[in-house]
Amino acid sequence: MVSVFTSKELHDLGFTEMGIRGALSCCLRRIRRGHFVLYCPCTAADHEPLHLLHKTTVTEYPRHYGDIRDNSEWLKVLIRSYADELPSGAVFSHVSAALVHGLDPPFPATESAEVVRPGFHRAKKTLRTRDRALKSEERENIGDLPVTTVARTLLDLATDYPLEVSVPFISEALRRELTSPERLRDSVVPGTRGCRQAVLALDLASPNHESPGEALCAVKFFRFNIIGMIPQVNTYDDSGMWIARNDFRHDKHPLIVEFHGVGKYYLNEAGPDRASSENHERHMKLLNAGYRVFNLVWADLFRVNEFARIKAAIADFH
């Protein structure tokens, strides 16, 4: 949770319009009209009231990563700015609800906070409202934020967003056992809008996808009609010696696809050099065991070339 202030609250703290402009060049950032967030620490005496309130409410400064994760962090700030201003009956939904539940989007999917509210449909720059009815068991509160439940959130994403967005969210929720495939499938109503796409998203999602990148790989396999790629498979050589647990291996042919995210190297306890050396050693063992190995990085997930090569390699086995 972060410290959000309205213009009125800043004026009540003694800030003039000039004082607000000064804070905006220091530790304050504008979220949307009339709403501001305390963005970082500072030592300016004029800004001390903001930081004192920040400390007493035990809130955090917005996190900053220097990559695409910053988009999600800013969206969390935007969601917080609407916490006390939601119209009656509105509940955070879709990507907003997923973020509140602690799920990580694979990439920036929207710049707007999202809510559902019966009888209202409106798309504004910072808030999108969808006309949806909710059952009482499909909503809950996380802290002071009303949100759709995890299951309802995932089904809304599967219905209204592309597979590239919904499948990573669903896979993460399944991996963390926040819901079950059976519960999600039972909630899909045949014949309703988006039901076929929702079923497809559930078919492609898997708790065995250990990262958003791997879930995106599964979607790309579907997009390129690459069939038979099984996630997280233990691979052995001809003597029965274990080589590795691979991200994807074909169910009939000696073909392996590995996704290499930054975390595979920089979250390794021994450091990136050791991780890179171990990966190279594993790669050579797989090649010597007769496997063809494709190593993908994040950018490859948004290109045609690598998946076209994978598809061609599978065709060569026939």
Protein backbone atom coordinates (compact mmCIF):
# COMPACT_ATOMS: atom_id res chain seq x y z
CA MET A 1 0.00 0.00 0.00
CA VAL A 2 1.27 3.49 -0.88
CA SER A 3 0.53 6.99 0.39
CA VAL A 4 -1.99 8.75 -1.86
CA PHE A 5 -3.10 12.35 -1.30
CA THR A 6 -5.88 14.38 -2.91
CA SER A 7 -5.48 18.07 -3.69
CA LYS A 8 -7.76 18.89 -0.75
CA GLU A 9 -5.65 16.80 1.64
CA LEU A 10 -2.50 18.57 0.47
CA HIS A 11 -4.12 21.97 0.97
CA ASP A 12 -5.27 20.90 4.44
CA LEU A 13 -1.63 20.07 5.22
CA GLY A 14 -0.68 23.63 4.31
CA PHE A 15 0.51 23.14 0.74
CA THR A 16 -0.18 26.00 -1.67
CA GLU A 17 -0.39 25.42 -5.42
CA MET A 18 3.22 26.56 -5.66
CA GLY A 19 4.13 24.19 -2.83
CA ILE A 20 2.51 21.28 -4.65
CA ARG A 21 4.44 22.14 -7.83
CA GLY A 22 7.63 22.17 -5.78
CA ALA A 23 6.86 18.76 -4.31
CA LEU A 24 6.13 17.41 -7.81
CA SER A 25 9.71 18.22 -8.76
CA CYS A 26 10.92 16.32 -5.69
CA CYS A 27 9.12 13.46 -3.92
CA LEU A 28 5.53 13.73 -5.17
CA ARG A 29 4.08 12.39 -8.44
CA ARG A 30 0.70 13.12 -10.03
CA ILE A 31 -1.39 9.96 -10.54
CA ARG A 32 -4.41 11.58 -12.16
CA ARG A 33 -6.27 14.85 -11.80
CA GLY A 34 -6.36 15.87 -8.17
CA HIS A 35 -4.53 12.77 -6.90
CA PHE A 36 -0.87 12.39 -5.97
CA VAL A 37 1.42 9.70 -4.58
CA LEU A 38 4.43 10.09 -2.31
CA TYR A 39 6.99 8.61 -4.68
CA CYS A 40 10.32 8.57 -2.79
CA PRO A 41 12.03 9.79 0.40
CA CYS A 42 13.39 13.32 0.59
CA THR A 43 14.92 15.66 3.17
CA ALA A 44 13.10 18.88 2.23
CA ALA A 45 11.66 20.48 5.36
CA ASP A 46 8.57 21.69 3.48
CA HIS A 47 7.68 18.10 2.58
CA GLU A 48 8.13 16.67 6.07
CA PRO A 49 4.36 16.50 6.83
CA LEU A 50 3.90 14.09 3.92
CA HIS A 51 6.65 11.78 5.09
CA LEU A 52 5.51 11.87 8.71
CA LEU A 53 2.04 10.71 7.62
CA HIS A 54 3.67 8.12 5.40
CA LYS A 55 5.55 6.67 8.37
CA THR A 56 2.61 6.69 10.76
CA THR A 57 0.39 4.80 8.30
CA VAL A 58 3.13 2.21 7.68
CA THR A 59 2.86 2.48 3.91
CA GLU A 60 5.52 1.95 1.25
CA TYR A 61 6.95 4.03 -1.53
CA PRO A 62 6.13 2.74 -5.03
CA ARG A 63 8.59 0.09 -6.12
CA HIS A 64 10.87 0.84 -9.04
CA TYR A 65 12.57 -1.88 -11.12
CA GLY A 66 13.68 -0.05 -14.25
CA ASP A 67 11.86 -2.48 -16.55
CA ILE A 68 8.32 -3.40 -17.68
CA ARG A 69 7.38 -4.29 -14.10
CA ASP A 70 7.21 -0.56 -13.39
CA ASN A 71 4.04 -0.38 -15.48
CA SER A 72 2.31 -2.80 -13.12
CA GLU A 73 3.63 -0.96 -10.08
CA TRP A 74 2.19 2.31 -11.39
CA LEU A 75 -1.12 0.58 -12.11
CA LYS A 76 -1.20 -0.50 -8.46
CA VAL A 77 -0.78 3.17 -7.50
CA LEU A 78 -3.66 4.12 -9.82
CA ILE A 79 -5.86 1.43 -8.25
CA ARG A 80 -5.07 2.75 -4.78
CA SER A 81 -6.07 6.27 -5.86
CA TYR A 82 -9.60 4.99 -6.55
CA ALA A 83 -9.92 3.08 -3.27
CA ASP A 84 -12.07 5.73 -1.58
CA GLU A 85 -13.89 6.89 -4.70
CA LEU A 86 -15.48 3.78 -6.16
CA PRO A 87 -19.17 4.23 -7.00
CA SER A 88 -21.67 2.09 -5.13
CA GLY A 89 -21.59 -1.51 -6.36
CA ALA A 90 -18.26 -1.17 -8.20
CA VAL A 91 -15.67 -3.90 -7.62
CA PHE A 92 -12.11 -4.04 -8.95
CA SER A 93 -11.84 -6.70 -11.65
CA HIS A 94 -9.72 -8.14 -14.47
CA VAL A 95 -6.05 -7.03 -14.38
CA SER A 96 -6.69 -4.72 -11.42
CA ALA A 97 -8.15 -7.56 -9.34
CA ALA A 98 -5.30 -9.85 -10.40
CA LEU A 99 -2.75 -7.31 -9.16
CA VAL A 100 -4.58 -6.89 -5.85
CA HIS A 101 -4.52 -10.70 -5.47
CA GLY A 102 -0.74 -10.59 -5.98
CA LEU A 103 -0.60 -12.10 -9.47
CA ASP A 104 2.00 -10.81 -11.91
CA PRO A 105 1.05 -9.83 -15.48
CA PRO A 106 3.38 -11.12 -18.23
CA PHE A 107 3.62 -7.61 -19.71
CA PRO A 108 1.67 -4.31 -19.49
CA ALA A 109 -1.84 -5.29 -20.60
CA THR A 110 -3.66 -2.06 -19.72
CA GLU A 111 -2.99 1.40 -18.33
CA SER A 112 -6.44 1.75 -16.76
CA ALA A 113 -7.87 0.55 -13.48
CA GLU A 114 -10.79 -1.83 -14.12
CA VAL A 115 -14.03 -2.39 -12.25
CA VAL A 116 -17.34 -4.16 -12.83
CA ARG A 117 -20.60 -2.46 -11.89
CA PRO A 118 -24.11 -3.60 -12.77
CA GLY A 119 -25.90 -1.25 -15.16
CA PHE A 120 -22.89 0.89 -16.04
CA HIS A 121 -20.41 0.73 -18.92
CA ARG A 122 -17.84 3.46 -19.43
CA ALA A 123 -14.25 3.62 -20.70
CA LYS A 124 -12.21 6.53 -19.35
CA LYS A 125 -8.47 6.99 -19.62
CA THR A 126 -7.75 5.91 -16.06
CA LEU A 127 -10.82 3.81 -15.21
CA ARG A 128 -12.75 1.28 -17.27
CA THR A 129 -16.16 0.20 -15.98
CA ARG A 130 -17.82 -2.93 -17.38
CA ASP A 131 -21.51 -3.66 -17.00
CA ARG A 132 -21.43 -6.98 -15.17
CA ALA A 133 -23.48 -8.57 -12.41
CA LEU A 134 -21.70 -10.39 -9.60
CA LYS A 135 -22.92 -13.07 -7.26
CA SER A 136 -22.10 -12.43 -3.62
CA GLU A 137 -19.66 -15.36 -3.62
CA GLU A 138 -17.78 -13.83 -6.57
CA ARG A 139 -16.56 -10.80 -4.62
CA GLU A 140 -14.40 -10.28 -1.57
CA ASN A 141 -12.31 -7.64 0.14
CA ILE A 142 -8.52 -7.54 0.19
CA GLY A 143 -7.78 -4.99 2.88
CA ASP A 144 -10.04 -2.07 2.02
CA LEU A 145 -10.28 -2.93 -1.68
CA PRO A 146 -13.37 -4.72 -3.04
CA VAL A 147 -12.27 -7.20 -5.72
CA THR A 148 -13.61 -10.12 -7.69
CA THR A 149 -12.47 -13.48 -6.32
CA VAL A 150 -9.48 -15.18 -7.87
CA ALA A 151 -11.68 -17.60 -9.83
CA ARG A 152 -13.98 -14.86 -11.16
CA THR A 153 -10.96 -12.66 -11.96
CA LEU A 154 -9.32 -15.41 -14.02
CA LEU A 155 -12.54 -16.17 -15.90
CA ASP A 156 -13.03 -12.48 -16.70
CA LEU A 157 -9.45 -12.31 -18.00
CA ALA A 158 -9.95 -15.49 -20.04
CA THR A 159 -13.13 -14.05 -21.55
CA ASP A 160 -12.07 -10.47 -22.24
CA TYR A 161 -8.30 -10.58 -22.84
CA PRO A 162 -6.09 -12.33 -25.41
CA LEU A 163 -4.55 -15.69 -24.52
CA GLU A 164 -1.17 -13.97 -24.16
CA VAL A 165 -2.54 -12.16 -21.11
CA SER A 166 -4.93 -14.68 -19.56
CA VAL A 167 -2.88 -17.89 -19.80
CA PRO A 168 0.10 -16.61 -17.74
CA PHE A 169 -2.28 -15.27 -15.06
CA ILE A 170 -4.19 -18.56 -14.90
CA SER A 171 -1.00 -20.64 -14.86
CA GLU A 172 0.43 -18.64 -11.96
CA ALA A 173 -2.78 -18.97 -9.95
CA LEU A 174 -2.86 -22.74 -10.55
CA ARG A 175 0.81 -23.08 -9.65
CA ARG A 176 0.22 -21.21 -6.39
CA GLU A 177 -2.93 -23.31 -5.77
CA LEU A 178 -5.12 -20.21 -5.46
CA THR A 179 -7.80 -22.10 -7.39
CA SER A 180 -8.19 -25.37 -9.28
CA PRO A 181 -8.74 -26.28 -12.95
CA GLU A 182 -11.97 -28.06 -11.99
CA ARG A 183 -13.41 -25.00 -10.26
CA LEU A 184 -12.55 -22.77 -13.21
CA ARG A 185 -14.01 -25.16 -15.78
CA ASP A 186 -17.19 -25.63 -13.78
CA SER A 187 -17.66 -21.85 -13.74
CA VAL A 188 -17.63 -21.49 -17.53
CA VAL A 189 -21.23 -21.24 -18.76
CA PRO A 190 -21.65 -22.86 -22.22
CA GLY A 191 -23.20 -20.59 -24.83
CA THR A 192 -22.23 -17.34 -23.14
CA ARG A 193 -20.06 -14.64 -24.67
CA GLY A 194 -16.39 -15.60 -24.69
CA CYS A 195 -16.96 -19.11 -23.31
CA ARG A 196 -14.97 -20.80 -26.09
CA GLN A 197 -12.00 -18.52 -25.61
CA ALA A 198 -12.17 -19.08 -21.84
CA VAL A 199 -12.10 -22.87 -22.31
CA LEU A 200 -9.13 -22.53 -24.67
CA ALA A 201 -7.25 -20.41 -22.12
CA LEU A 202 -7.88 -23.07 -19.47
CA ASP A 203 -6.66 -25.79 -21.84
CA LEU A 204 -3.38 -23.93 -22.49
CA ALA A 205 -2.75 -22.93 -18.86
CA SER A 206 -0.83 -25.28 -16.57
CA PRO A 207 0.57 -25.21 -13.04
CA ASN A 208 3.74 -26.64 -14.61
CA HIS A 209 4.48 -23.30 -16.28
CA GLU A 210 7.01 -21.94 -13.83
CA SER A 211 7.10 -18.39 -15.21
CA PRO A 212 5.03 -16.01 -17.35
CA GLY A 213 7.55 -16.63 -20.13
CA GLU A 214 6.88 -20.36 -20.14
CA ALA A 215 3.12 -19.75 -20.19
CA LEU A 216 3.60 -17.42 -23.15
CA CYS A 217 5.60 -20.16 -24.88
CA ALA A 218 2.59 -22.45 -24.57
CA VAL A 219 0.39 -19.79 -26.17
CA LYS A 220 2.86 -19.33 -29.02
CA PHE A 221 2.97 -23.08 -29.62
CA PHE A 222 -0.80 -22.92 -30.08
CA ARG A 223 -0.57 -19.86 -32.35
CA PHE A 224 1.94 -21.64 -34.59
CA ASN A 225 0.11 -24.98 -34.46
CA ILE A 226 3.06 -26.64 -32.73
CA ILE A 227 1.60 -29.76 -31.10
CA GLY A 228 3.06 -32.14 -28.54
CA MET A 229 5.19 -29.83 -26.37
CA ILE A 230 4.93 -31.04 -22.75
CA PRO A 231 5.96 -28.66 -19.92
CA GLN A 232 8.50 -29.55 -17.22
CA VAL A 233 9.73 -33.00 -18.25
CA ASN A 234 12.69 -34.88 -16.78
CA THR A 235 15.13 -35.94 -19.49
CA TYR A 236 17.57 -38.86 -19.30
CA ASP A 237 20.35 -40.17 -21.54
CA ASP A 238 20.44 -43.69 -23.03
CA SER A 239 22.03 -45.11 -19.88
CA GLY A 240 19.19 -43.76 -17.71
CA MET A 241 21.31 -40.96 -16.25
CA TRP A 242 19.27 -37.85 -15.44
CA ILE A 243 20.30 -34.79 -17.46
CA ALA A 244 17.82 -32.05 -16.69
CA ARG A 245 14.26 -31.02 -16.07
CA ASN A 246 13.35 -29.18 -19.26
CA ASP A 247 10.82 -26.41 -19.74
CA PHE A 248 9.26 -28.18 -22.73
CA ARG A 249 9.96 -31.48 -24.51
CA HIS A 250 8.12 -32.98 -27.45
CA ASP A 251 6.08 -36.05 -26.57
CA LYS A 252 7.30 -38.06 -29.59
CA HIS A 253 10.50 -36.52 -30.92
CA PRO A 254 13.87 -35.64 -29.29
CA LEU A 255 13.23 -31.90 -29.32
CA ILE A 256 13.48 -29.55 -26.34
CA VAL A 257 12.58 -25.90 -25.87
CA GLU A 258 14.07 -23.94 -22.97
CA PHE A 259 12.99 -20.46 -21.95
CA HIS A 260 15.71 -18.35 -20.36
CA GLY A 261 14.36 -15.47 -18.31
CA VAL A 262 16.58 -13.02 -16.47
CA GLY A 263 15.75 -14.71 -13.17
CA LYS A 264 17.35 -17.96 -14.30
CA TYR A 265 20.70 -16.19 -14.18
CA TYR A 266 20.42 -13.28 -11.77
CA LEU A 267 18.36 -15.05 -9.10
CA ASN A 268 20.84 -17.93 -8.96
CA GLU A 269 22.54 -18.04 -5.56
CA ALA A 270 25.95 -18.65 -7.18
CA GLY A 271 25.57 -15.70 -9.56
CA PRO A 272 25.00 -15.30 -13.32
CA ASP A 273 28.40 -16.65 -14.37
CA ARG A 274 27.86 -19.94 -12.55
CA ALA A 275 24.32 -20.20 -13.85
CA SER A 276 25.47 -19.58 -17.42
CA SER A 277 28.20 -22.21 -17.09
CA GLU A 278 25.75 -24.78 -15.71
CA ASN A 279 23.29 -24.04 -18.50
CA HIS A 280 25.99 -24.55 -21.14
CA GLU A 281 27.01 -27.86 -19.56
CA ARG A 282 23.41 -29.05 -19.53
CA HIS A 283 22.93 -27.95 -23.12
CA MET A 284 25.94 -29.99 -24.26
CA LYS A 285 24.71 -33.09 -22.40
CA LEU A 286 21.34 -32.81 -24.13
CA LEU A 287 22.99 -32.46 -27.54
CA ASN A 288 25.23 -35.46 -26.87
CA ALA A 289 22.14 -37.46 -25.88
CA GLY A 290 20.67 -36.77 -29.32
CA TYR A 291 18.25 -33.96 -28.51
CA ARG A 292 17.75 -30.85 -30.58
CA VAL A 293 17.53 -27.88 -28.24
CA PHE A 294 15.98 -24.46 -28.86
CA ASN A 295 16.88 -21.75 -26.34
CA LEU A 296 14.44 -18.86 -26.22
CA VAL A 297 14.72 -15.49 -24.51
CA TRP A 298 11.94 -13.00 -23.80
CA ALA A 299 12.23 -11.17 -27.13
CA ASP A 300 11.84 -14.45 -29.04
CA LEU A 301 8.31 -14.81 -27.67
CA PHE A 302 7.25 -11.86 -29.83
CA ARG A 303 9.04 -12.94 -33.02
CA VAL A 304 8.11 -15.39 -35.75
CA ASN A 305 11.54 -16.83 -36.57
CA GLU A 306 12.22 -19.10 -33.61
CA PHE A 307 8.77 -20.69 -33.57
CA ALA A 308 8.89 -21.19 -37.33
CA ARG A 309 12.23 -23.00 -36.84
CA ILE A 310 10.76 -25.17 -34.08
CA LYS A 311 7.82 -26.12 -36.28
CA ALA A 312 10.13 -26.94 -39.21
CA ALA A 313 12.35 -29.07 -36.96
CA ILE A 314 9.37 -31.15 -35.79
CA ALA A 315 8.31 -31.61 -39.43
CA ASP A 316 11.81 -32.92 -40.23
CA PHE A 317 11.30 -35.83 -37.84
CA HIS A 318 8.34 -37.15 -39.83
